[in-house]
Amino acid sequence: RASRAADNESMVLNAGNILSDNLANLIRKFPSFENLPPF
């Protein structure tokens, strides 16, 4: 996706945002284990 950007600044910005956002979204999808029912 970064390769579609017009310049190097946008390429770095796009690549970094995609990586950080995707990782953060994966983390949020997992439940809070402290709040899980004991079973």
PDB file of all heavy atoms in Angstrom:
ATOM      1  N   ARG A   1       0.823  -1.209   0.000  1.00  0.00           N
ATOM      2  CA  ARG A   1       0.000   0.000   0.000  1.00  0.00           C
ATOM      3  C   ARG A   1       0.853   1.253   0.000  1.00  0.00           C
ATOM      4  O   ARG A   1       0.491   2.272  -0.600  1.00  0.00           O
ATOM      5  CB  ARG A   1      -0.933  -0.009   1.202  1.00  0.00           C
ATOM      6  CG  ARG A   1      -1.985  -1.109   1.144  1.00  0.00           C
ATOM      7  CD  ARG A   1      -3.005  -0.961   2.240  1.00  0.00           C
ATOM      8  NE  ARG A   1      -3.985  -2.028   2.202  1.00  0.00           N
ATOM      9  CZ  ARG A   1      -4.988  -2.149   3.061  1.00  0.00           C
ATOM     10  NH1 ARG A   1      -5.127  -1.238   4.043  1.00  0.00           N
ATOM     11  NH2 ARG A   1      -5.832  -3.150   2.963  1.00  0.00           N
ATOM     12  N   ALA A   2       2.008   1.188   0.683  1.00  0.00           N
ATOM     13  CA  ALA A   2       2.891   2.351   0.721  1.00  0.00           C
ATOM     14  C   ALA A   2       3.454   2.663  -0.657  1.00  0.00           C
ATOM     15  O   ALA A   2       3.709   3.836  -0.990  1.00  0.00           O
ATOM     16  CB  ALA A   2       4.030   2.104   1.712  1.00  0.00           C
ATOM     17  N   SER A   3       3.622   1.638  -1.482  1.00  0.00           N
ATOM     18  CA  SER A   3       4.213   1.849  -2.808  1.00  0.00           C
ATOM     19  C   SER A   3       3.324   2.698  -3.714  1.00  0.00           C
ATOM     20  O   SER A   3       3.792   3.222  -4.735  1.00  0.00           O
ATOM     21  CB  SER A   3       4.489   0.495  -3.471  1.00  0.00           C
ATOM     22  OG  SER A   3       3.270  -0.185  -3.746  1.00  0.00           O
ATOM     23  N   ARG A   4       2.049   2.865  -3.345  1.00  0.00           N
ATOM     24  CA  ARG A   4       1.147   3.673  -4.152  1.00  0.00           C
ATOM     25  C   ARG A   4       1.271   5.162  -3.851  1.00  0.00           C
ATOM     26  O   ARG A   4       0.679   5.988  -4.554  1.00  0.00           O
ATOM     27  CB  ARG A   4      -0.298   3.236  -3.896  1.00  0.00           C
ATOM     28  CG  ARG A   4      -0.557   1.751  -4.167  1.00  0.00           C
ATOM     29  CD  ARG A   4      -1.918   1.334  -3.635  1.00  0.00           C
ATOM     30  NE  ARG A   4      -2.133  -0.104  -3.706  1.00  0.00           N
ATOM     31  CZ  ARG A   4      -3.130  -0.747  -3.105  1.00  0.00           C
ATOM     32  NH1 ARG A   4      -4.020  -0.050  -2.390  1.00  0.00           N
ATOM     33  NH2 ARG A   4      -3.261  -2.058  -3.201  1.00  0.00           N
ATOM     34  N   ALA A   5       2.021   5.479  -2.786  1.00  0.00           N
ATOM     35  CA  ALA A   5       2.154   6.887  -2.391  1.00  0.00           C
ATOM     36  C   ALA A   5       3.035   7.635  -3.382  1.00  0.00           C
ATOM     37  O   ALA A   5       3.846   7.050  -4.113  1.00  0.00           O
ATOM     38  CB  ALA A   5       2.728   7.002  -0.987  1.00  0.00           C
ATOM     39  N   ALA A   6       2.896   8.955  -3.371  1.00  0.00           N
ATOM     40  CA  ALA A   6       3.571   9.785  -4.376  1.00  0.00           C
ATOM     41  C   ALA A   6       5.010  10.108  -4.022  1.00  0.00           C
ATOM     42  O   ALA A   6       5.812  10.436  -4.907  1.00  0.00           O
ATOM     43  CB  ALA A   6       2.786  11.084  -4.575  1.00  0.00           C
ATOM     44  N   ASP A   7       5.362  10.054  -2.732  1.00  0.00           N
ATOM     45  CA  ASP A   7       6.711  10.428  -2.333  1.00  0.00           C
ATOM     46  C   ASP A   7       7.161   9.579  -1.148  1.00  0.00           C
ATOM     47  O   ASP A   7       6.374   8.845  -0.548  1.00  0.00           O
ATOM     48  CB  ASP A   7       6.775  11.920  -1.963  1.00  0.00           C
ATOM     49  CG  ASP A   7       5.719  12.319  -0.949  1.00  0.00           C
ATOM     50  OD1 ASP A   7       5.720  11.749   0.163  1.00  0.00           O
ATOM     51  OD2 ASP A   7       4.880  13.193  -1.261  1.00  0.00           O
ATOM     52  N   ASN A   8       8.448   9.701  -0.809  1.00  0.00           N
ATOM     53  CA  ASN A   8       9.029   8.878   0.248  1.00  0.00           C
ATOM     54  C   ASN A   8       8.405   9.165   1.619  1.00  0.00           C
ATOM     55  O   ASN A   8       8.216   8.240   2.423  1.00  0.00           O
ATOM     56  CB  ASN A   8      10.539   9.091   0.311  1.00  0.00           C
ATOM     57  CG  ASN A   8      11.257   8.424  -0.857  1.00  0.00           C
ATOM     58  OD1 ASN A   8      10.907   7.311  -1.258  1.00  0.00           O
ATOM     59  ND2 ASN A   8      12.255   9.103  -1.417  1.00  0.00           N
ATOM     60  N   GLU A   9       8.108  10.434   1.873  1.00  0.00           N
ATOM     61  CA  GLU A   9       7.494  10.771   3.166  1.00  0.00           C
ATOM     62  C   GLU A   9       6.149  10.061   3.325  1.00  0.00           C
ATOM     63  O   GLU A   9       5.868   9.465   4.369  1.00  0.00           O
ATOM     64  CB  GLU A   9       7.299  12.285   3.280  1.00  0.00           C
ATOM     65  CG  GLU A   9       6.606  12.681   4.585  1.00  0.00           C
ATOM     66  CD  GLU A   9       6.322  14.173   4.670  1.00  0.00           C
ATOM     67  OE1 GLU A   9       7.061  14.959   4.037  1.00  0.00           O
ATOM     68  OE2 GLU A   9       5.361  14.555   5.378  1.00  0.00           O
ATOM     69  N   SER A  10       5.336  10.111   2.299  1.00  0.00           N
ATOM     70  CA  SER A  10       4.023   9.455   2.358  1.00  0.00           C
ATOM     71  C   SER A  10       4.158   7.938   2.438  1.00  0.00           C
ATOM     72  O   SER A  10       3.355   7.259   3.111  1.00  0.00           O
ATOM     73  CB  SER A  10       3.191   9.838   1.136  1.00  0.00           C
ATOM     74  OG  SER A  10       2.937  11.226   1.104  1.00  0.00           O
ATOM     75  N   MET A  11       5.181   7.404   1.772  1.00  0.00           N
ATOM     76  CA  MET A  11       5.393   5.951   1.812  1.00  0.00           C
ATOM     77  C   MET A  11       5.718   5.490   3.231  1.00  0.00           C
ATOM     78  O   MET A  11       5.172   4.499   3.718  1.00  0.00           O
ATOM     79  CB  MET A  11       6.518   5.564   0.847  1.00  0.00           C
ATOM     80  CG  MET A  11       6.138   5.712  -0.632  1.00  0.00           C
ATOM     81  SD  MET A  11       7.523   5.382  -1.752  1.00  0.00           S
ATOM     82  CE  MET A  11       7.667   3.610  -1.568  1.00  0.00           C
ATOM     83  N   VAL A  12       6.606   6.219   3.893  1.00  0.00           N
ATOM     84  CA  VAL A  12       6.954   5.871   5.276  1.00  0.00           C
ATOM     85  C   VAL A  12       5.745   6.044   6.190  1.00  0.00           C
ATOM     86  O   VAL A  12       5.453   5.197   7.042  1.00  0.00           O
ATOM     87  CB  VAL A  12       8.131   6.730   5.775  1.00  0.00           C
ATOM     88  CG1 VAL A  12       8.349   6.535   7.280  1.00  0.00           C
ATOM     89  CG2 VAL A  12       9.405   6.393   5.002  1.00  0.00           C
ATOM     90  N   LEU A  13       5.022   7.126   5.999  1.00  0.00           N
ATOM     91  CA  LEU A  13       3.857   7.408   6.840  1.00  0.00           C
ATOM     92  C   LEU A  13       2.787   6.332   6.661  1.00  0.00           C
ATOM     93  O   LEU A  13       2.232   5.820   7.645  1.00  0.00           O
ATOM     94  CB  LEU A  13       3.296   8.785   6.489  1.00  0.00           C
ATOM     95  CG  LEU A  13       2.189   9.333   7.398  1.00  0.00           C
ATOM     96  CD1 LEU A  13       2.688   9.503   8.818  1.00  0.00           C
ATOM     97  CD2 LEU A  13       1.660  10.659   6.856  1.00  0.00           C
ATOM     98  N   ASN A  14       2.520   5.969   5.413  1.00  0.00           N
ATOM     99  CA  ASN A  14       1.499   4.955   5.157  1.00  0.00           C
ATOM    100  C   ASN A  14       1.889   3.587   5.712  1.00  0.00           C
ATOM    101  O   ASN A  14       1.085   2.905   6.357  1.00  0.00           O
ATOM    102  CB  ASN A  14       1.238   4.844   3.653  1.00  0.00           C
ATOM    103  CG  ASN A  14       0.498   6.055   3.105  1.00  0.00           C
ATOM    104  OD1 ASN A  14       0.047   6.905   3.852  1.00  0.00           O
ATOM    105  ND2 ASN A  14       0.392   6.134   1.784  1.00  0.00           N
ATOM    106  N   ALA A  15       3.129   3.182   5.442  1.00  0.00           N
ATOM    107  CA  ALA A  15       3.587   1.866   5.914  1.00  0.00           C
ATOM    108  C   ALA A  15       3.563   1.785   7.433  1.00  0.00           C
ATOM    109  O   ALA A  15       3.087   0.801   8.011  1.00  0.00           O
ATOM    110  CB  ALA A  15       4.988   1.575   5.385  1.00  0.00           C
ATOM    111  N   GLY A  16       4.076   2.824   8.094  1.00  0.00           N
ATOM    112  CA  GLY A  16       4.116   2.818   9.556  1.00  0.00           C
ATOM    113  C   GLY A  16       2.736   2.806  10.173  1.00  0.00           C
ATOM    114  O   GLY A  16       2.486   2.080  11.144  1.00  0.00           O
ATOM    115  N   ASN A  17       1.823   3.603   9.606  1.00  0.00           N
ATOM    116  CA  ASN A  17       0.464   3.650  10.149  1.00  0.00           C
ATOM    117  C   ASN A  17      -0.267   2.319   9.970  1.00  0.00           C
ATOM    118  O   ASN A  17      -1.009   1.872  10.856  1.00  0.00           O
ATOM    119  CB  ASN A  17      -0.334   4.770   9.488  1.00  0.00           C
ATOM    120  CG  ASN A  17       0.087   6.147   9.970  1.00  0.00           C
ATOM    121  OD1 ASN A  17       0.751   6.264  11.013  1.00  0.00           O
ATOM    122  ND2 ASN A  17      -0.259   7.177   9.222  1.00  0.00           N
ATOM    123  N   ILE A  18      -0.066   1.688   8.810  1.00  0.00           N
ATOM    124  CA  ILE A  18      -0.714   0.398   8.569  1.00  0.00           C
ATOM    125  C   ILE A  18      -0.225  -0.637   9.568  1.00  0.00           C
ATOM    126  O   ILE A  18      -1.012  -1.399  10.154  1.00  0.00           O
ATOM    127  CB  ILE A  18      -0.472  -0.065   7.128  1.00  0.00           C
ATOM    128  CG1 ILE A  18      -1.258   0.818   6.142  1.00  0.00           C
ATOM    129  CG2 ILE A  18      -0.870  -1.533   6.954  1.00  0.00           C
ATOM    130  CD1 ILE A  18      -0.900   0.592   4.695  1.00  0.00           C
ATOM    131  N   LEU A  19       1.081  -0.672   9.801  1.00  0.00           N
ATOM    132  CA  LEU A  19       1.629  -1.646  10.750  1.00  0.00           C
ATOM    133  C   LEU A  19       1.125  -1.392  12.169  1.00  0.00           C
ATOM    134  O   LEU A  19       0.621  -2.296  12.839  1.00  0.00           O
ATOM    135  CB  LEU A  19       3.158  -1.593  10.720  1.00  0.00           C
ATOM    136  CG  LEU A  19       3.844  -2.146   9.468  1.00  0.00           C
ATOM    137  CD1 LEU A  19       5.335  -1.853   9.500  1.00  0.00           C
ATOM    138  CD2 LEU A  19       3.601  -3.650   9.349  1.00  0.00           C
ATOM    139  N   SER A  20       1.256  -0.166  12.639  1.00  0.00           N
ATOM    140  CA  SER A  20       0.877   0.137  14.025  1.00  0.00           C
ATOM    141  C   SER A  20      -0.624  -0.014  14.239  1.00  0.00           C
ATOM    142  O   SER A  20      -1.067  -0.546  15.270  1.00  0.00           O
ATOM    143  CB  SER A  20       1.333   1.550  14.412  1.00  0.00           C
ATOM    144  OG  SER A  20       0.749   2.517  13.563  1.00  0.00           O
ATOM    145  N   ASP A  21      -1.429   0.425  13.268  1.00  0.00           N
ATOM    146  CA  ASP A  21      -2.887   0.325  13.410  1.00  0.00           C
ATOM    147  C   ASP A  21      -3.352  -1.129  13.392  1.00  0.00           C
ATOM    148  O   ASP A  21      -4.227  -1.517  14.179  1.00  0.00           O
ATOM    149  CB  ASP A  21      -3.589   1.109  12.303  1.00  0.00           C
ATOM    150  CG  ASP A  21      -3.453   2.621  12.472  1.00  0.00           C
ATOM    151  OD1 ASP A  21      -3.026   3.057  13.552  1.00  0.00           O
ATOM    152  OD2 ASP A  21      -3.761   3.350  11.517  1.00  0.00           O
ATOM    153  N   ASN A  22      -2.787  -1.931  12.490  1.00  0.00           N
ATOM    154  CA  ASN A  22      -3.180  -3.341  12.426  1.00  0.00           C
ATOM    155  C   ASN A  22      -2.804  -4.092  13.700  1.00  0.00           C
ATOM    156  O   ASN A  22      -3.587  -4.910  14.202  1.00  0.00           O
ATOM    157  CB  ASN A  22      -2.550  -4.015  11.213  1.00  0.00           C
ATOM    158  CG  ASN A  22      -3.363  -3.848   9.943  1.00  0.00           C
ATOM    159  OD1 ASN A  22      -4.179  -4.682   9.586  1.00  0.00           O
ATOM    160  ND2 ASN A  22      -3.142  -2.736   9.255  1.00  0.00           N
ATOM    161  N   LEU A  23      -1.632  -3.817  14.236  1.00  0.00           N
ATOM    162  CA  LEU A  23      -1.221  -4.467  15.483  1.00  0.00           C
ATOM    163  C   LEU A  23      -2.131  -4.051  16.635  1.00  0.00           C
ATOM    164  O   LEU A  23      -2.553  -4.886  17.445  1.00  0.00           O
ATOM    165  CB  LEU A  23       0.237  -4.118  15.796  1.00  0.00           C
ATOM    166  CG  LEU A  23       1.289  -4.742  14.872  1.00  0.00           C
ATOM    167  CD1 LEU A  23       2.671  -4.165  15.177  1.00  0.00           C
ATOM    168  CD2 LEU A  23       1.317  -6.264  15.023  1.00  0.00           C
ATOM    169  N   ALA A  24      -2.445  -2.759  16.714  1.00  0.00           N
ATOM    170  CA  ALA A  24      -3.319  -2.277  17.780  1.00  0.00           C
ATOM    171  C   ALA A  24      -4.714  -2.887  17.667  1.00  0.00           C
ATOM    172  O   ALA A  24      -5.335  -3.243  18.682  1.00  0.00           O
ATOM    173  CB  ALA A  24      -3.396  -0.753  17.741  1.00  0.00           C
ATOM    174  N   ASN A  25      -5.205  -3.044  16.454  1.00  0.00           N
ATOM    175  CA  ASN A  25      -6.536  -3.632  16.260  1.00  0.00           C
ATOM    176  C   ASN A  25      -6.558  -5.106  16.665  1.00  0.00           C
ATOM    177  O   ASN A  25      -7.543  -5.574  17.244  1.00  0.00           O
ATOM    178  CB  ASN A  25      -6.967  -3.490  14.800  1.00  0.00           C
ATOM    179  CG  ASN A  25      -7.358  -2.070  14.452  1.00  0.00           C
ATOM    180  OD1 ASN A  25      -7.779  -1.303  15.323  1.00  0.00           O
ATOM    181  ND2 ASN A  25      -7.229  -1.701  13.190  1.00  0.00           N
ATOM    182  N   LEU A  26      -5.489  -5.825  16.368  1.00  0.00           N
ATOM    183  CA  LEU A  26      -5.415  -7.229  16.766  1.00  0.00           C
ATOM    184  C   LEU A  26      -5.453  -7.359  18.282  1.00  0.00           C
ATOM    185  O   LEU A  26      -6.131  -8.246  18.828  1.00  0.00           O
ATOM    186  CB  LEU A  26      -4.136  -7.869  16.209  1.00  0.00           C
ATOM    187  CG  LEU A  26      -4.072  -8.081  14.692  1.00  0.00           C
ATOM    188  CD1 LEU A  26      -2.690  -8.574  14.288  1.00  0.00           C
ATOM    189  CD2 LEU A  26      -5.146  -9.075  14.247  1.00  0.00           C
ATOM    190  N   ILE A  27      -4.755  -6.494  18.970  1.00  0.00           N
ATOM    191  CA  ILE A  27      -4.726  -6.521  20.436  1.00  0.00           C
ATOM    192  C   ILE A  27      -6.114  -6.271  21.001  1.00  0.00           C
ATOM    193  O   ILE A  27      -6.564  -6.950  21.935  1.00  0.00           O
ATOM    194  CB  ILE A  27      -3.720  -5.469  20.969  1.00  0.00           C
ATOM    195  CG1 ILE A  27      -2.302  -5.833  20.534  1.00  0.00           C
ATOM    196  CG2 ILE A  27      -3.801  -5.372  22.501  1.00  0.00           C
ATOM    197  CD1 ILE A  27      -1.299  -4.712  20.733  1.00  0.00           C
ATOM    198  N   ARG A  28      -6.813  -5.300  20.433  1.00  0.00           N
ATOM    199  CA  ARG A  28      -8.146  -4.954  20.942  1.00  0.00           C
ATOM    200  C   ARG A  28      -9.161  -6.066  20.734  1.00  0.00           C
ATOM    201  O   ARG A  28     -10.150  -6.151  21.472  1.00  0.00           O
ATOM    202  CB  ARG A  28      -8.645  -3.669  20.265  1.00  0.00           C
ATOM    203  CG  ARG A  28      -8.017  -2.399  20.820  1.00  0.00           C
ATOM    204  CD  ARG A  28      -8.792  -1.175  20.354  1.00  0.00           C
ATOM    205  NE  ARG A  28      -8.628  -0.966  18.920  1.00  0.00           N
ATOM    206  CZ  ARG A  28      -7.677  -0.198  18.391  1.00  0.00           C
ATOM    207  NH1 ARG A  28      -6.794   0.416  19.182  1.00  0.00           N
ATOM    208  NH2 ARG A  28      -7.598  -0.046  17.085  1.00  0.00           N
ATOM    209  N   LYS A  29      -8.937  -6.925  19.756  1.00  0.00           N
ATOM    210  CA  LYS A  29      -9.897  -8.003  19.487  1.00  0.00           C
ATOM    211  C   LYS A  29      -9.872  -9.088  20.565  1.00  0.00           C
ATOM    212  O   LYS A  29     -10.838  -9.825  20.727  1.00  0.00           O
ATOM    213  CB  LYS A  29      -9.601  -8.634  18.124  1.00  0.00           C
ATOM    214  CG  LYS A  29      -9.824  -7.708  16.930  1.00  0.00           C
ATOM    215  CD  LYS A  29     -11.306  -7.396  16.734  1.00  0.00           C
ATOM    216  CE  LYS A  29     -11.510  -6.573  15.471  1.00  0.00           C
ATOM    217  NZ  LYS A  29     -12.946  -6.272  15.251  1.00  0.00           N
ATOM    218  N   PHE A  30      -8.765  -9.205  21.291  1.00  0.00           N
ATOM    219  CA  PHE A  30      -8.692 -10.201  22.357  1.00  0.00           C
ATOM    220  C   PHE A  30      -9.406  -9.670  23.591  1.00  0.00           C
ATOM    221  O   PHE A  30      -9.317  -8.490  23.917  1.00  0.00           O
ATOM    222  CB  PHE A  30      -7.232 -10.533  22.689  1.00  0.00           C
ATOM    223  CG  PHE A  30      -6.621 -11.553  21.784  1.00  0.00           C
ATOM    224  CD1 PHE A  30      -6.116 -11.179  20.545  1.00  0.00           C
ATOM    225  CD2 PHE A  30      -6.557 -12.888  22.142  1.00  0.00           C
ATOM    226  CE1 PHE A  30      -5.555 -12.108  19.686  1.00  0.00           C
ATOM    227  CE2 PHE A  30      -6.004 -13.835  21.295  1.00  0.00           C
ATOM    228  CZ  PHE A  30      -5.501 -13.444  20.061  1.00  0.00           C
ATOM    229  N   PRO A  31     -10.137 -10.547  24.299  1.00  0.00           N
ATOM    230  CA  PRO A  31     -10.883 -10.080  25.472  1.00  0.00           C
ATOM    231  C   PRO A  31      -9.965  -9.759  26.632  1.00  0.00           C
ATOM    232  O   PRO A  31      -8.802 -10.193  26.676  1.00  0.00           O
ATOM    233  CB  PRO A  31     -11.772 -11.288  25.804  1.00  0.00           C
ATOM    234  CG  PRO A  31     -10.996 -12.465  25.320  1.00  0.00           C
ATOM    235  CD  PRO A  31     -10.301 -11.992  24.069  1.00  0.00           C
ATOM    236  N   SER A  32     -10.480  -8.980  27.571  1.00  0.00           N
ATOM    237  CA  SER A  32      -9.761  -8.718  28.817  1.00  0.00           C
ATOM    238  C   SER A  32      -9.888  -9.954  29.697  1.00  0.00           C
ATOM    239  O   SER A  32     -10.985 -10.313  30.124  1.00  0.00           O
ATOM    240  CB  SER A  32     -10.348  -7.499  29.530  1.00  0.00           C
ATOM    241  OG  SER A  32      -9.839  -7.393  30.833  1.00  0.00           O
ATOM    242  N   PHE A  33      -8.768 -10.613  29.982  1.00  0.00           N
ATOM    243  CA  PHE A  33      -8.834 -11.861  30.728  1.00  0.00           C
ATOM    244  C   PHE A  33      -9.223 -11.640  32.184  1.00  0.00           C
ATOM    245  O   PHE A  33      -9.758 -12.536  32.829  1.00  0.00           O
ATOM    246  CB  PHE A  33      -7.508 -12.603  30.616  1.00  0.00           C
ATOM    247  CG  PHE A  33      -7.216 -13.071  29.215  1.00  0.00           C
ATOM    248  CD1 PHE A  33      -6.294 -12.408  28.422  1.00  0.00           C
ATOM    249  CD2 PHE A  33      -7.894 -14.146  28.684  1.00  0.00           C
ATOM    250  CE1 PHE A  33      -6.044 -12.820  27.129  1.00  0.00           C
ATOM    251  CE2 PHE A  33      -7.652 -14.579  27.388  1.00  0.00           C
ATOM    252  CZ  PHE A  33      -6.734 -13.910  26.607  1.00  0.00           C
ATOM    253  N   GLU A  34      -8.971 -10.432  32.700  1.00  0.00           N
ATOM    254  CA  GLU A  34      -9.393 -10.127  34.062  1.00  0.00           C
ATOM    255  C   GLU A  34     -10.916 -10.105  34.183  1.00  0.00           C
ATOM    256  O   GLU A  34     -11.468 -10.392  35.243  1.00  0.00           O
ATOM    257  CB  GLU A  34      -8.836  -8.772  34.516  1.00  0.00           C
ATOM    258  CG  GLU A  34      -7.334  -8.728  34.756  1.00  0.00           C
ATOM    259  CD  GLU A  34      -6.543  -8.627  33.462  1.00  0.00           C
ATOM    260  OE1 GLU A  34      -7.192  -8.497  32.387  1.00  0.00           O
ATOM    261  OE2 GLU A  34      -5.307  -8.677  33.520  1.00  0.00           O
ATOM    262  N   ASN A  35     -11.594  -9.769  33.088  1.00  0.00           N
ATOM    263  CA  ASN A  35     -13.048  -9.646  33.115  1.00  0.00           C
ATOM    264  C   ASN A  35     -13.775 -10.893  32.629  1.00  0.00           C
ATOM    265  O   ASN A  35     -15.005 -10.921  32.595  1.00  0.00           O
ATOM    266  CB  ASN A  35     -13.485  -8.439  32.271  1.00  0.00           C
ATOM    267  CG  ASN A  35     -12.948  -7.130  32.827  1.00  0.00           C
ATOM    268  OD1 ASN A  35     -12.786  -6.980  34.033  1.00  0.00           O
ATOM    269  ND2 ASN A  35     -12.663  -6.176  31.947  1.00  0.00           N
ATOM    270  N   LEU A  36     -13.025 -11.927  32.251  1.00  0.00           N
ATOM    271  CA  LEU A  36     -13.655 -13.165  31.813  1.00  0.00           C
ATOM    272  C   LEU A  36     -14.308 -13.858  33.010  1.00  0.00           C
ATOM    273  O   LEU A  36     -13.786 -13.813  34.127  1.00  0.00           O
ATOM    274  CB  LEU A  36     -12.625 -14.111  31.204  1.00  0.00           C
ATOM    275  CG  LEU A  36     -12.174 -13.882  29.763  1.00  0.00           C
ATOM    276  CD1 LEU A  36     -11.165 -14.948  29.374  1.00  0.00           C
ATOM    277  CD2 LEU A  36     -13.351 -13.905  28.802  1.00  0.00           C
ATOM    278  N   PRO A  37     -15.443 -14.536  32.794  1.00  0.00           N
ATOM    279  CA  PRO A  37     -15.991 -15.378  33.857  1.00  0.00           C
ATOM    280  C   PRO A  37     -14.944 -16.401  34.289  1.00  0.00           C
ATOM    281  O   PRO A  37     -14.153 -16.880  33.453  1.00  0.00           O
ATOM    282  CB  PRO A  37     -17.188 -16.062  33.183  1.00  0.00           C
ATOM    283  CG  PRO A  37     -17.565 -15.149  32.057  1.00  0.00           C
ATOM    284  CD  PRO A  37     -16.276 -14.540  31.578  1.00  0.00           C
ATOM    285  N   PRO A  38     -14.882 -16.756  35.575  1.00  0.00           N
ATOM    286  CA  PRO A  38     -13.854 -17.686  36.057  1.00  0.00           C
ATOM    287  C   PRO A  38     -13.774 -18.986  35.269  1.00  0.00           C
ATOM    288  O   PRO A  38     -12.682 -19.495  35.018  1.00  0.00           O
ATOM    289  CB  PRO A  38     -14.275 -17.942  37.511  1.00  0.00           C
ATOM    290  CG  PRO A  38     -15.010 -16.696  37.907  1.00  0.00           C
ATOM    291  CD  PRO A  38     -15.731 -16.250  36.657  1.00  0.00           C
ATOM    292  N   PHE A  39     -14.937 -19.521  34.839  1.00  0.00           N
ATOM    293  CA  PHE A  39     -14.924 -20.767  34.073  1.00  0.00           C
ATOM    294  C   PHE A  39     -14.125 -20.608  32.792  1.00  0.00           C
ATOM    295  O   PHE A  39     -13.236 -21.413  32.486  1.00  0.00           O
ATOM    296  CB  PHE A  39     -16.361 -21.196  33.751  1.00  0.00           C
ATOM    297  CG  PHE A  39     -16.447 -22.298  32.731  1.00  0.00           C
ATOM    298  CD1 PHE A  39     -16.127 -23.606  33.074  1.00  0.00           C
ATOM    299  CD2 PHE A  39     -16.836 -22.032  31.424  1.00  0.00           C
ATOM    300  CE1 PHE A  39     -16.209 -24.627  32.134  1.00  0.00           C
ATOM    301  CE2 PHE A  39     -16.913 -23.043  30.485  1.00  0.00           C
ATOM    302  CZ  PHE A  39     -16.601 -24.344  30.846  1.00  0.00           C
TER     303      PHE A  39
END
